[in-house]
N, C-alpha and C. Protein backbone atom coordinates (compact mmCIF):
# COMPACT_ATOMS: atom_id res chain seq x y z
N MET A 1 210.29 33.40 121.67
CA MET A 1 210.86 34.67 121.52
C MET A 1 211.51 34.77 122.81
N ASN A 2 212.78 35.14 122.70
CA ASN A 2 213.72 35.32 124.02
C ASN A 2 214.38 36.92 123.72
N GLY A 3 213.76 37.73 124.44
CA GLY A 3 214.06 39.16 124.33
C GLY A 3 213.85 39.72 122.94
N CYS A 4 214.89 39.96 121.98
CA CYS A 4 215.11 40.47 120.95
C CYS A 4 215.27 39.36 119.78
N LEU A 5 215.75 37.98 120.22
CA LEU A 5 216.12 37.10 119.59
C LEU A 5 215.30 36.14 119.40
N TRP A 6 215.15 35.60 117.95
CA TRP A 6 213.95 34.60 117.65
C TRP A 6 214.75 33.40 117.05
N GLU A 7 214.37 32.21 117.67
CA GLU A 7 215.14 30.96 117.51
C GLU A 7 214.07 30.10 116.77
N THR A 8 214.47 29.39 115.80
CA THR A 8 213.37 28.33 114.94
C THR A 8 214.09 26.97 114.86
N PRO A 9 214.32 26.40 116.01
CA PRO A 9 214.81 24.90 115.85
C PRO A 9 214.00 24.13 115.09
N GLN A 10 214.39 23.22 114.07
CA GLN A 10 213.55 22.47 113.42
C GLN A 10 213.34 20.88 113.84
N TRP A 11 214.17 20.26 114.54
CA TRP A 11 214.12 18.88 115.06
C TRP A 11 214.09 18.86 116.67
N SER A 12 213.48 18.20 117.37
CA SER A 12 213.65 18.14 118.60
C SER A 12 214.13 16.77 119.08
N GLN A 13 214.90 16.75 120.14
CA GLN A 13 215.53 15.50 120.70
C GLN A 13 214.88 15.07 121.94
N VAL A 14 213.64 15.64 122.21
CA VAL A 14 213.02 15.18 123.26
C VAL A 14 212.32 13.54 123.17
N ASN A 15 212.49 12.95 124.16
CA ASN A 15 211.86 11.58 124.26
C ASN A 15 212.76 10.68 123.08
N LYS A 16 213.96 11.33 122.70
CA LYS A 16 215.01 10.43 121.83
C LYS A 16 216.04 9.84 122.60
N THR A 17 216.53 8.65 122.36
CA THR A 17 217.80 8.20 122.97
C THR A 17 218.89 7.78 122.23
N LEU A 18 220.06 7.95 122.64
CA LEU A 18 221.24 7.74 121.75
C LEU A 18 221.17 6.06 121.58
N LEU A 19 222.12 5.52 120.74
CA LEU A 19 222.38 4.32 120.45
C LEU A 19 222.87 3.63 121.81
N SER A 20 222.51 2.50 122.06
CA SER A 20 223.27 1.89 123.36
C SER A 20 224.92 1.94 123.08
N GLY A 21 225.29 2.14 124.55
CA GLY A 21 226.83 2.17 124.55
C GLY A 21 227.42 3.23 124.16
N ILE A 22 226.57 4.40 123.75
CA ILE A 22 227.32 5.65 123.44
C ILE A 22 227.11 6.74 124.36
N PRO A 23 228.39 7.12 125.03
CA PRO A 23 228.05 7.97 126.32
C PRO A 23 227.17 9.50 125.82
N ALA A 24 226.86 9.93 126.85
CA ALA A 24 226.06 11.33 126.74
C ALA A 24 227.10 12.18 126.20
N VAL A 25 226.71 13.13 125.14
CA VAL A 25 227.43 14.05 124.74
C VAL A 25 227.11 15.43 124.93
N LYS A 26 227.76 16.44 125.10
CA LYS A 26 227.48 17.94 125.47
C LYS A 26 227.89 18.41 123.97
N ASN A 27 227.15 19.51 123.77
CA ASN A 27 227.42 20.22 122.48
C ASN A 27 227.26 19.47 121.17
N VAL A 28 226.15 18.80 121.19
CA VAL A 28 226.08 18.03 119.90
C VAL A 28 226.13 18.80 118.59
N LEU A 29 227.00 18.10 117.89
CA LEU A 29 226.99 18.98 116.40
C LEU A 29 225.86 18.92 115.41
N LEU A 30 225.25 17.55 115.58
CA LEU A 30 223.93 17.41 114.91
C LEU A 30 223.30 16.37 115.24
N TRP A 31 221.88 16.27 115.13
CA TRP A 31 221.10 15.02 115.56
C TRP A 31 220.28 14.58 114.39
N PHE A 32 220.41 13.22 114.04
CA PHE A 32 219.65 12.69 113.24
C PHE A 32 219.13 11.34 113.50
N GLN A 33 218.19 10.85 113.00
CA GLN A 33 217.84 9.48 113.28
C GLN A 33 217.90 8.57 111.82
N SER A 34 218.41 7.21 112.30
CA SER A 34 218.46 6.41 110.91
C SER A 34 217.64 5.08 111.30
N PRO A 35 217.09 4.37 110.21
CA PRO A 35 216.11 3.26 110.40
C PRO A 35 216.95 2.10 110.82
N VAL A 36 218.28 2.26 110.14
CA VAL A 36 219.45 1.12 110.72
C VAL A 36 220.52 1.55 111.48
N GLU A 37 221.17 0.58 112.06
CA GLU A 37 222.48 0.92 112.90
C GLU A 37 223.36 1.53 112.00
N LEU A 38 224.24 2.35 111.97
CA LEU A 38 225.25 2.99 111.26
C LEU A 38 226.45 2.51 111.82
N PRO A 39 227.54 2.18 111.09
CA PRO A 39 228.96 1.94 111.67
C PRO A 39 229.87 3.14 112.15
N LEU A 40 229.38 3.93 112.95
CA LEU A 40 229.72 4.98 113.43
C LEU A 40 231.24 4.99 113.99
N GLN A 41 231.75 3.85 114.12
CA GLN A 41 233.30 4.04 114.49
C GLN A 41 234.14 4.41 113.27
N LYS A 42 233.47 4.32 112.16
CA LYS A 42 234.22 4.97 110.94
C LYS A 42 233.97 6.30 110.68
N ALA A 43 233.05 7.08 111.36
CA ALA A 43 232.85 8.55 111.11
C ALA A 43 234.13 9.36 111.46
N LYS A 44 233.89 10.39 110.51
CA LYS A 44 235.10 11.47 110.63
C LYS A 44 234.55 12.87 110.23
N VAL A 45 234.97 13.61 111.21
CA VAL A 45 234.42 14.95 111.05
C VAL A 45 235.68 15.83 111.21
N SER A 46 235.38 16.84 110.05
CA SER A 46 236.55 17.87 109.80
C SER A 46 235.96 19.14 109.87
N ARG A 47 236.90 19.95 110.39
CA ARG A 47 236.24 21.51 110.71
C ARG A 47 237.14 22.52 110.09
N ASN A 48 236.46 23.35 109.40
CA ASN A 48 237.30 24.70 108.86
C ASN A 48 236.42 26.04 109.32
N VAL A 49 237.34 26.98 109.56
CA VAL A 49 237.05 28.26 110.17
C VAL A 49 237.32 29.16 109.07
N LYS A 50 236.29 29.85 108.59
CA LYS A 50 236.66 30.90 107.61
C LYS A 50 236.22 32.35 107.75
N LYS A 51 236.96 33.45 107.56
CA LYS A 51 236.71 34.75 108.00
C LYS A 51 235.59 35.32 106.80
N LEU A 52 234.82 35.99 106.81
CA LEU A 52 233.86 36.22 105.91
C LEU A 52 234.19 37.63 105.44
N GLU A 53 234.81 38.07 104.33
CA GLU A 53 235.58 39.16 103.94
C GLU A 53 234.40 40.11 103.64
N GLY A 54 234.51 41.09 104.11
CA GLY A 54 233.71 42.26 103.98
C GLY A 54 232.55 42.49 104.82
N TYR A 55 232.39 41.61 105.73
CA TYR A 55 231.30 41.54 106.90
C TYR A 55 231.98 41.91 108.11
N GLN A 56 231.34 42.69 108.87
CA GLN A 56 231.97 42.93 110.08
C GLN A 56 231.08 42.75 111.43
N GLU A 57 231.58 42.33 112.47
CA GLU A 57 230.40 42.24 113.52
C GLU A 57 231.48 42.52 114.77
N ASN A 58 230.69 43.92 115.36
CA ASN A 58 231.44 44.66 116.43
C ASN A 58 232.93 44.99 115.98
N GLY A 59 232.99 45.22 115.01
CA GLY A 59 234.48 45.55 114.35
C GLY A 59 235.37 44.65 114.12
N ASN A 60 234.79 43.35 114.16
CA ASN A 60 235.49 42.26 113.85
C ASN A 60 235.31 41.62 112.56
N PRO A 61 235.85 40.81 111.88
CA PRO A 61 235.40 39.95 110.73
C PRO A 61 234.60 38.99 111.17
N ALA A 62 233.42 38.84 110.40
CA ALA A 62 232.25 37.85 110.77
C ALA A 62 233.21 36.54 110.41
N GLN A 63 232.63 35.22 110.96
CA GLN A 63 233.20 34.13 110.46
C GLN A 63 232.17 32.97 110.45
N ILE A 64 232.51 32.17 109.54
CA ILE A 64 231.73 30.65 109.55
C ILE A 64 232.67 29.58 109.91
N THR A 65 232.02 28.54 110.75
CA THR A 65 232.73 27.47 111.02
C THR A 65 231.84 26.40 110.19
N ALA A 66 232.70 25.64 109.30
CA ALA A 66 232.05 24.70 108.31
C ALA A 66 232.57 23.30 108.93
N TYR A 67 231.57 22.26 109.07
CA TYR A 67 231.96 20.92 109.63
C TYR A 67 231.51 19.98 108.58
N GLU A 68 232.55 19.00 108.11
CA GLU A 68 231.85 18.10 107.23
C GLU A 68 231.90 16.65 108.01
N VAL A 69 230.87 15.98 107.87
CA VAL A 69 230.70 14.60 108.43
C VAL A 69 230.32 13.46 107.60
N ASP A 70 231.55 12.64 107.53
CA ASP A 70 231.55 11.52 106.86
C ASP A 70 231.29 10.29 107.71
N LEU A 71 230.26 9.85 107.56
CA LEU A 71 229.72 8.57 108.53
C LEU A 71 230.41 7.44 108.08
N ASP A 72 230.82 7.02 106.83
CA ASP A 72 231.33 5.65 106.46
C ASP A 72 232.59 5.84 106.17
N ASN A 73 233.19 7.15 106.05
CA ASN A 73 234.82 7.47 105.83
C ASN A 73 235.06 6.86 104.43
N ASP A 74 234.25 7.11 103.44
CA ASP A 74 234.07 6.79 102.13
C ASP A 74 234.84 8.18 101.55
N GLY A 75 235.06 9.30 102.03
CA GLY A 75 235.71 10.43 101.38
C GLY A 75 234.73 11.49 100.99
N VAL A 76 233.51 11.26 101.32
CA VAL A 76 232.31 11.92 100.89
C VAL A 76 231.47 12.19 102.00
N ALA A 77 231.39 13.50 102.23
CA ALA A 77 230.68 14.18 103.28
C ALA A 77 228.98 13.61 103.08
N ASP A 78 228.51 13.17 104.41
CA ASP A 78 227.20 12.89 104.65
C ASP A 78 226.42 14.01 105.18
N PHE A 79 226.86 14.76 105.93
CA PHE A 79 226.18 15.92 106.52
C PHE A 79 227.30 17.24 106.30
N VAL A 80 226.83 18.39 106.16
CA VAL A 80 227.60 19.57 106.26
C VAL A 80 226.87 20.62 107.19
N LYS A 81 227.70 20.97 107.85
CA LYS A 81 226.87 22.19 109.02
C LYS A 81 227.66 23.34 108.75
N TRP A 82 226.98 24.59 108.59
CA TRP A 82 227.67 25.78 108.69
C TRP A 82 227.33 26.77 110.00
N ASP A 83 228.27 26.82 110.62
CA ASP A 83 227.77 27.65 112.03
C ASP A 83 228.30 29.10 111.68
N PHE A 84 227.71 30.28 111.81
CA PHE A 84 227.64 31.53 111.63
C PHE A 84 227.66 31.94 113.03
N GLU A 85 228.97 32.56 113.35
CA GLU A 85 229.36 33.35 114.26
C GLU A 85 228.99 34.60 114.34
N GLN A 86 228.10 35.27 114.80
CA GLN A 86 227.71 36.65 114.47
C GLN A 86 227.19 37.10 116.02
N GLU A 87 226.47 38.10 116.02
CA GLU A 87 225.94 38.66 117.61
C GLU A 87 224.98 37.66 118.06
N PHE A 88 224.42 36.77 117.31
CA PHE A 88 223.59 35.53 117.63
C PHE A 88 223.93 34.59 116.70
N HIS A 89 223.70 33.30 117.20
CA HIS A 89 224.08 32.15 116.71
C HIS A 89 223.31 31.55 115.82
N SER A 90 223.58 31.27 114.58
CA SER A 90 222.85 30.68 113.40
C SER A 90 223.53 29.51 112.86
N TYR A 91 222.99 28.45 112.32
CA TYR A 91 223.67 27.48 111.78
C TYR A 91 222.35 26.97 110.49
N VAL A 92 223.12 26.04 109.55
CA VAL A 92 222.20 25.49 108.62
C VAL A 92 223.00 24.06 108.33
N VAL A 93 222.27 23.01 108.25
CA VAL A 93 222.76 21.71 108.08
C VAL A 93 222.06 21.25 106.54
N PHE A 94 223.14 20.38 105.82
CA PHE A 94 222.73 19.80 104.54
C PHE A 94 222.92 18.43 104.80
N VAL A 95 221.97 17.66 103.91
CA VAL A 95 222.45 16.22 104.09
C VAL A 95 222.72 15.70 102.46
N ASN A 96 223.55 14.83 102.28
CA ASN A 96 224.02 14.49 100.97
C ASN A 96 223.09 13.09 101.01
N ILE A 97 222.29 13.04 100.06
CA ILE A 97 221.48 11.79 99.60
C ILE A 97 221.71 11.38 98.04
N ASN A 98 222.38 10.36 97.98
CA ASN A 98 222.74 9.81 96.78
C ASN A 98 223.42 10.69 95.77
N GLY A 99 224.37 11.76 96.47
CA GLY A 99 225.09 12.46 95.72
C GLY A 99 224.46 13.94 95.38
N GLU A 100 223.32 14.19 95.88
CA GLU A 100 222.55 15.29 95.81
C GLU A 100 222.33 16.23 97.27
N TRP A 101 222.68 17.48 97.52
CA TRP A 101 222.35 17.96 98.71
C TRP A 101 221.14 18.53 98.89
N TYR A 102 220.48 18.33 100.10
CA TYR A 102 219.21 18.83 100.59
C TYR A 102 219.23 19.53 101.87
N PRO A 103 218.61 20.80 102.03
CA PRO A 103 218.39 21.19 103.26
C PRO A 103 217.92 20.26 104.39
N PHE A 104 218.75 20.13 105.59
CA PHE A 104 218.37 19.11 106.66
C PHE A 104 217.58 19.84 107.80
N GLU A 105 218.26 20.83 108.30
CA GLU A 105 218.00 21.44 109.71
C GLU A 105 218.65 22.95 109.55
N ARG A 106 217.80 23.96 110.20
CA ARG A 106 218.36 25.17 110.45
C ARG A 106 217.90 25.85 111.60
N GLU A 107 218.60 26.83 112.45
CA GLU A 107 218.33 27.39 113.36
C GLU A 107 219.11 28.94 113.26
N TYR A 108 218.19 29.91 113.26
CA TYR A 108 218.80 31.10 113.36
C TYR A 108 218.18 32.17 114.35
N GLY A 109 218.94 33.25 114.63
CA GLY A 109 218.43 34.29 115.61
C GLY A 109 218.33 35.44 114.51
N GLU A 110 217.58 36.24 114.83
CA GLU A 110 217.28 37.52 114.03
C GLU A 110 216.92 38.64 115.06
N MET A 111 217.58 39.71 114.99
CA MET A 111 217.20 40.72 115.60
C MET A 111 215.82 41.23 115.16
N CYS A 112 214.87 41.50 116.11
CA CYS A 112 213.69 41.96 115.95
C CYS A 112 213.22 43.60 115.79
N GLY A 113 214.48 44.57 115.99
CA GLY A 113 213.95 45.74 115.95
C GLY A 113 213.65 46.34 117.38
N CYS A 114 213.97 45.60 118.33
CA CYS A 114 213.53 46.02 119.77
C CYS A 114 214.39 47.05 120.14
């Protein structure tokens, strides 16, 4: 609990290391583990920002930033992350496993009525 903001991180990076030779990254888009080394030199990330019609945040249209991560550059996203820009930050990540989408990770803030 942080003031009136409640956060629910799903995965922990504690005691995890990046692949050797990969520089430290700030503002990580998403974190996952793989049992095998992936050809990340082929990875592609695309970003789209959309205004949410009918939703206002402090007088401004609320927006969502959608990221698509294609790890093997086959034209099909392997992960999709939706960042919700509101008074508090929220996001949800989905993973594509054999053509089907599954929830992977989420974090959201919620006003508690303080």
